[in-house]
């Protein structure tokens, strides 16, 4: 297993926070109020014990054919600041031909509570600062959306602002049963970033999205599932395990065909029906003649599981 975090791997970090595979926060020796973030809350969040050097804001690890990325500012609810946005962009650039799926998680009690409002407030020129931060974040959003490999996201705890935007980029989104999703932007007089105004109206419908965004309502996991914002709801302590399992499964599937599927869906947004039918015919023809297609059909006829090579 190759670790890409400068010596601190995801597994070790999870062990340090007590989440592990089960995703449960540990008991903390001390608590403190978290800085203000886009998803306002009065609850406290964990701080790692000890006096180690500051951990990287994003942890990255190759686990077989899965590139696992974890937001790592648990003491701030994984609020997005410029260092985290930079690190996330760097992490996404590590996707190469040896990767078959990307997994995105958040360390600590929350997936991501949105932008770091304390950093916003400290900026001398908040307008240019937020423009620059959003632009940097958008590099990751666009790169993730354009990947040919599946993107699996595991949500737990609070999912606010840009955290909800990141969730909208996932191909498979696993959500903990007690998770709460909230756009949050308009509550502090801001407008969405991270692609939210593009992805969510297409997912849940324009009117539902406008209602949710304007009122700042909280979306619970079961409602998010019924509206198509997430694809699966599991018990909170199963989020990491289920998301990891799905990422591994997809990473060892027909990678090129996944890429053609994603292209069909992505480009289909701009096509009429006849153009989409033509694109589908072309794609299935290419797939049938590919090594993956030949292996898949042969395995079906021989009544065995296919062995895709990625």
Protein backbone atom coordinates (compact mmCIF):
# COMPACT_ATOMS: atom_id res chain seq x y z
CA UNK A 1 0.00 0.00 0.00
CA UNK A 2 1.45 3.31 -1.01
CA UNK A 3 0.93 6.22 1.37
CA UNK A 4 0.81 9.69 -0.18
CA UNK A 5 0.54 11.87 2.90
CA UNK A 6 4.14 12.46 3.79
CA UNK A 7 4.32 9.57 6.25
CA UNK A 8 0.88 9.83 7.82
CA UNK A 9 -1.49 7.33 6.24
CA UNK A 10 -5.27 7.34 6.32
CA UNK A 11 -5.47 4.18 8.33
CA UNK A 12 -3.15 5.53 11.01
CA UNK A 13 -5.02 8.81 11.10
CA UNK A 14 -8.34 7.04 11.55
CA UNK A 15 -6.86 4.98 14.32
CA UNK A 16 -5.75 8.20 15.96
CA UNK A 17 -9.22 9.71 15.84
CA UNK A 18 -10.93 6.48 16.82
CA UNK A 19 -13.04 6.27 13.67
CA UNK A 20 -11.36 3.29 12.06
CA UNK A 21 -13.47 1.32 9.64
CA UNK A 22 -16.56 1.73 11.75
CA UNK A 23 -16.39 5.52 11.53
CA UNK A 24 -17.18 6.17 15.20
CA UNK A 25 -15.66 9.23 16.91
CA UNK A 26 -13.60 8.37 19.97
CA UNK A 27 -13.99 9.72 23.46
CA UNK A 28 -12.05 12.93 23.74
CA UNK A 29 -9.81 14.12 26.49
CA UNK A 30 -10.83 17.70 25.86
CA UNK A 31 -13.39 19.60 23.83
CA UNK A 32 -13.55 23.07 22.45
CA UNK A 33 -15.98 25.10 20.46
CA UNK A 34 -15.37 24.86 16.76
CA UNK A 35 -14.76 27.99 14.70
CA UNK A 36 -17.72 29.44 12.82
CA UNK A 37 -18.54 27.58 9.62
CA UNK A 38 -21.19 27.72 6.93
CA UNK A 39 -23.36 25.17 8.77
CA UNK A 40 -24.01 26.89 12.09
CA UNK A 41 -24.28 24.62 15.12
CA UNK A 42 -23.78 24.89 18.86
CA UNK A 43 -22.29 21.42 19.31
CA UNK A 44 -18.63 20.89 20.15
CA UNK A 45 -16.13 19.00 18.04
CA UNK A 46 -13.10 16.88 18.76
CA UNK A 47 -9.49 17.97 18.86
CA UNK A 48 -6.73 15.39 18.59
CA UNK A 49 -4.81 14.79 21.79
CA UNK A 50 -1.07 15.27 22.01
CA UNK A 51 1.29 17.90 20.73
CA UNK A 52 2.17 16.53 17.30
CA UNK A 53 2.92 18.83 14.39
CA UNK A 54 -0.23 20.00 12.58
CA UNK A 55 -1.68 17.23 10.46
CA UNK A 56 -2.11 17.78 6.71
CA UNK A 57 -5.57 19.18 5.83
CA UNK A 58 -6.19 16.30 3.42
CA UNK A 59 -5.05 12.69 3.79
CA UNK A 60 -4.45 10.64 0.65
CA UNK A 61 -3.75 6.95 0.32
CA UNK A 62 -3.78 4.36 -2.43
CA UNK A 63 -5.63 1.28 -1.29
CA UNK A 64 -5.27 -1.15 -4.19
CA UNK A 65 -6.97 0.57 -7.14
CA UNK A 66 -8.79 3.03 -4.86
CA UNK A 67 -7.50 6.53 -4.23
CA UNK A 68 -8.86 7.35 -0.75
CA UNK A 69 -9.07 11.07 0.05
CA UNK A 70 -10.09 12.26 3.50
CA UNK A 71 -10.73 15.85 4.60
CA UNK A 72 -8.67 16.25 7.75
CA UNK A 73 -9.58 19.33 9.78
CA UNK A 74 -11.74 17.53 12.37
CA UNK A 75 -11.31 20.25 14.98
CA UNK A 76 -12.91 22.69 12.53
CA UNK A 77 -15.61 20.38 11.22
CA UNK A 78 -13.45 19.94 8.08
CA UNK A 79 -14.31 23.53 7.14
CA UNK A 80 -12.74 24.49 3.84
CA UNK A 81 -9.96 27.05 3.99
CA UNK A 82 -7.30 27.80 1.39
CA UNK A 83 -4.80 25.15 2.58
CA UNK A 84 -7.51 22.47 2.43
CA UNK A 85 -8.63 23.63 -1.02
CA UNK A 86 -5.00 23.50 -2.20
CA UNK A 87 -4.46 20.05 -0.72
CA UNK A 88 -7.69 18.71 -2.22
CA UNK A 89 -6.67 19.91 -5.69
CA UNK A 90 -3.28 18.24 -5.23
CA UNK A 91 -4.96 15.01 -4.11
CA UNK A 92 -7.29 14.79 -7.10
CA UNK A 93 -4.32 15.24 -9.43
CA UNK A 94 -2.93 11.94 -8.09
CA UNK A 95 -5.55 9.99 -10.05
CA UNK A 96 -3.71 8.04 -12.76
CA UNK A 97 -4.23 4.96 -14.91
CA UNK A 98 -3.69 2.70 -11.91
CA UNK A 99 -6.73 4.11 -10.10
CA UNK A 100 -10.15 2.59 -10.67
CA UNK A 101 -12.21 4.61 -8.17
CA UNK A 102 -11.93 7.62 -5.88
CA UNK A 103 -13.25 7.54 -2.31
CA UNK A 104 -13.87 10.79 -0.40
CA UNK A 105 -14.49 10.84 3.36
CA UNK A 106 -14.20 13.29 6.24
CA UNK A 107 -12.30 12.74 9.48
CA UNK A 108 -13.95 13.39 12.85
CA UNK A 109 -17.61 14.03 13.65
CA UNK A 110 -18.57 15.75 10.39
CA UNK A 111 -18.00 15.22 6.70
CA UNK A 112 -17.62 18.94 6.01
CA UNK A 113 -19.47 21.89 7.53
CA UNK A 114 -18.72 24.21 4.59
CA UNK A 115 -16.41 27.17 4.33
CA UNK A 116 -14.35 28.48 7.23
CA UNK A 117 -16.17 31.71 8.13
CA UNK A 118 -13.44 32.75 10.56
CA UNK A 119 -10.98 32.79 7.67
CA UNK A 120 -13.49 34.69 5.54
CA UNK A 121 -14.01 37.27 8.29
CA UNK A 122 -10.28 37.78 8.81
CA UNK A 123 -9.66 38.62 5.15
CA UNK A 124 -9.01 42.30 4.49
CA UNK A 125 -10.87 42.03 1.20
CA UNK A 126 -13.44 39.26 1.63
CA UNK A 127 -14.76 39.56 -1.92
CA UNK A 128 -11.48 38.83 -3.73
CA UNK A 129 -10.55 36.29 -1.06
CA UNK A 130 -13.74 34.26 -1.49
CA UNK A 131 -13.46 34.52 -5.27
CA UNK A 132 -9.96 33.05 -5.06
CA UNK A 133 -10.98 30.33 -2.59
CA UNK A 134 -14.00 29.29 -4.66
CA UNK A 135 -11.89 29.26 -7.82
CA UNK A 136 -9.37 26.98 -6.15
CA UNK A 137 -12.08 24.65 -4.83
CA UNK A 138 -13.66 24.56 -8.27
CA UNK A 139 -10.50 23.07 -9.73
CA UNK A 140 -11.17 19.97 -7.62
CA UNK A 141 -14.89 19.96 -8.32
CA UNK A 142 -14.38 20.13 -12.09
CA UNK A 143 -11.61 17.52 -12.02
CA UNK A 144 -13.73 15.10 -9.96
CA UNK A 145 -16.75 15.60 -12.22
CA UNK A 146 -14.66 14.91 -15.32
CA UNK A 147 -13.01 11.73 -14.03
CA UNK A 148 -13.77 8.59 -15.99
CA UNK A 149 -13.58 6.46 -12.83
CA UNK A 150 -16.37 6.28 -10.22
CA UNK A 151 -16.33 8.77 -7.36
CA UNK A 152 -17.74 7.38 -4.09
CA UNK A 153 -18.48 9.77 -1.22
CA UNK A 154 -19.29 8.85 2.37
CA UNK A 155 -21.28 11.42 4.36
CA UNK A 156 -21.71 11.58 8.12
CA UNK A 157 -22.54 14.18 10.75
CA UNK A 158 -22.90 17.69 9.37
CA UNK A 159 -22.80 18.29 5.62
CA UNK A 160 -23.09 22.02 4.99
CA UNK A 161 -22.36 24.58 2.31
CA UNK A 162 -19.44 23.48 0.15
CA UNK A 163 -19.54 20.09 1.86
CA UNK A 164 -22.96 19.57 0.31
CA UNK A 165 -21.56 20.80 -3.00
CA UNK A 166 -18.85 18.13 -2.86
CA UNK A 167 -21.51 15.50 -2.20
CA UNK A 168 -23.27 16.59 -5.39
CA UNK A 169 -20.25 15.52 -7.45
CA UNK A 170 -20.34 11.90 -6.29
CA UNK A 171 -21.46 9.04 -8.52
CA UNK A 172 -22.32 6.93 -5.47
CA UNK A 173 -23.11 8.78 -2.23
CA UNK A 174 -23.41 6.81 1.01
CA UNK A 175 -25.03 8.76 3.84
CA UNK A 176 -25.20 8.06 7.56
CA UNK A 177 -28.70 7.81 8.97
CA UNK A 178 -28.31 10.76 11.35
CA UNK A 179 -26.46 13.02 8.91
CA UNK A 180 -27.89 16.48 8.30
CA UNK A 181 -27.42 18.31 5.01
CA UNK A 182 -27.84 22.06 4.73
CA UNK A 183 -26.95 24.46 1.88
CA UNK A 184 -26.37 27.25 4.46
CA UNK A 185 -25.07 29.90 2.03
CA UNK A 186 -28.07 32.24 2.01
CA UNK A 187 -28.27 32.13 5.82
CA UNK A 188 -25.06 34.19 5.90
CA UNK A 189 -25.89 36.31 2.86
CA UNK A 190 -23.75 34.35 0.38
CA UNK A 191 -24.52 32.40 -2.77
CA UNK A 192 -23.57 28.79 -3.55
CA UNK A 193 -20.23 27.62 -4.86
CA UNK A 194 -18.71 24.21 -5.52
CA UNK A 195 -21.16 23.56 -8.34
CA UNK A 196 -24.20 23.34 -6.07
CA UNK A 197 -26.36 25.58 -8.27
CA UNK A 198 -25.62 23.24 -11.21
CA UNK A 199 -25.78 19.77 -9.65
CA UNK A 200 -28.61 19.96 -7.11
CA UNK A 201 -31.33 21.54 -9.31
CA UNK A 202 -30.68 18.72 -11.78
CA UNK A 203 -30.81 16.13 -9.01
CA UNK A 204 -33.75 17.24 -6.89
CA UNK A 205 -35.56 19.65 -9.20
CA UNK A 206 -35.40 23.43 -9.44
CA UNK A 207 -38.28 24.28 -7.11
CA UNK A 208 -37.17 21.92 -4.35
CA UNK A 209 -33.62 23.25 -4.59
CA UNK A 210 -34.71 26.89 -4.48
CA UNK A 211 -36.86 26.20 -1.43
CA UNK A 212 -34.02 24.39 0.34
CA UNK A 213 -31.40 27.01 -0.57
CA UNK A 214 -33.49 30.09 0.22
CA UNK A 215 -34.91 28.85 3.52
CA UNK A 216 -31.68 27.19 4.66
CA UNK A 217 -33.66 24.13 5.72
CA UNK A 218 -31.94 21.03 7.02
CA UNK A 219 -32.26 17.94 4.86
CA UNK A 220 -32.22 14.67 6.77
CA UNK A 221 -30.71 11.53 5.29
CA UNK A 222 -33.99 9.83 4.41
CA UNK A 223 -35.27 12.96 2.69
CA UNK A 224 -31.99 13.34 0.82
CA UNK A 225 -32.40 9.75 -0.36
CA UNK A 226 -35.96 10.28 -1.58
CA UNK A 227 -34.89 13.41 -3.47
CA UNK A 228 -31.94 11.68 -5.12
CA UNK A 229 -29.28 13.77 -3.35
CA UNK A 230 -27.71 10.60 -1.90
CA UNK A 231 -27.91 7.05 -3.22
CA UNK A 232 -27.76 4.97 -0.03
CA UNK A 233 -28.51 5.47 3.66
CA UNK A 234 -26.81 3.24 6.22
CA UNK A 235 -26.30 3.28 9.97
CA UNK A 236 -23.77 5.90 11.02
CA UNK A 237 -21.11 3.38 12.02
CA UNK A 238 -21.37 1.68 8.62
CA UNK A 239 -20.66 4.71 6.39
CA UNK A 240 -16.89 4.25 6.08
CA UNK A 241 -17.13 0.49 5.66
CA UNK A 242 -19.91 0.62 3.06
CA UNK A 243 -18.36 3.45 1.07
CA UNK A 244 -14.98 1.70 1.12
CA UNK A 245 -16.54 -1.59 0.04
CA UNK A 246 -18.32 0.05 -2.88
CA UNK A 247 -15.22 1.94 -3.96
CA UNK A 248 -13.20 -1.29 -3.96
CA UNK A 249 -15.92 -3.14 -5.87
CA UNK A 250 -16.17 -0.43 -8.53
CA UNK A 251 -12.39 -0.03 -8.77
CA UNK A 252 -12.17 -3.65 -9.88
CA UNK A 253 -15.03 -3.43 -12.35
CA UNK A 254 -15.17 -2.52 -16.06
CA UNK A 255 -13.32 0.79 -15.72
CA UNK A 256 -13.46 1.87 -19.36
CA UNK A 257 -17.18 1.13 -19.55
CA UNK A 258 -17.74 3.19 -16.39
CA UNK A 259 -15.98 6.03 -18.17
CA UNK A 260 -18.22 5.69 -21.23
CA UNK A 261 -21.30 5.64 -18.96
CA UNK A 262 -20.17 8.82 -17.20
CA UNK A 263 -19.53 10.52 -20.53
CA UNK A 264 -23.00 9.54 -21.79
CA UNK A 265 -24.69 10.96 -18.70
CA UNK A 266 -22.54 14.09 -18.58
CA UNK A 267 -22.87 14.94 -22.27
CA UNK A 268 -26.52 13.89 -22.35
CA UNK A 269 -27.38 17.05 -20.41
CA UNK A 270 -26.72 19.02 -23.61
CA UNK A 271 -28.19 16.66 -26.22
CA UNK A 272 -31.58 16.00 -27.70
CA UNK A 273 -32.94 12.43 -27.67
CA UNK A 274 -31.82 11.46 -31.18
CA UNK A 275 -28.28 12.69 -30.53
CA UNK A 276 -28.19 10.74 -27.26
CA UNK A 277 -29.44 7.58 -28.98
CA UNK A 278 -26.64 7.90 -31.54
CA UNK A 279 -24.08 8.36 -28.76
CA UNK A 280 -25.45 5.31 -26.91
CA UNK A 281 -25.21 3.15 -30.04
CA UNK A 282 -21.62 4.23 -30.58
CA UNK A 283 -20.66 3.64 -26.94
CA UNK A 284 -22.21 0.17 -26.70
CA UNK A 285 -20.50 -0.83 -29.92
CA UNK A 286 -17.13 0.29 -28.56
CA UNK A 287 -17.85 -1.47 -25.27
CA UNK A 288 -18.82 -4.74 -26.97
CA UNK A 289 -15.56 -4.81 -28.87
CA UNK A 290 -13.42 -3.94 -25.86
CA UNK A 291 -11.62 -6.49 -23.66
CA UNK A 292 -14.09 -5.68 -20.85
CA UNK A 293 -17.11 -6.25 -23.06
CA UNK A 294 -15.76 -9.50 -24.44
CA UNK A 295 -14.91 -10.77 -20.95
CA UNK A 296 -18.28 -9.71 -19.53
CA UNK A 297 -20.31 -11.45 -22.23
CA UNK A 298 -18.12 -14.56 -22.10
CA UNK A 299 -18.48 -14.75 -18.32
CA UNK A 300 -22.26 -14.48 -18.59
CA UNK A 301 -22.47 -17.25 -21.17
CA UNK A 302 -20.12 -19.45 -19.16
CA UNK A 303 -22.05 -18.77 -15.94
CA UNK A 304 -19.06 -17.38 -14.03
CA UNK A 305 -18.05 -14.07 -12.53
CA UNK A 306 -16.21 -11.76 -14.95
CA UNK A 307 -12.55 -10.96 -14.38
CA UNK A 308 -12.06 -7.39 -15.47
CA UNK A 309 -8.52 -6.10 -15.74
CA UNK A 310 -9.24 -2.42 -15.10
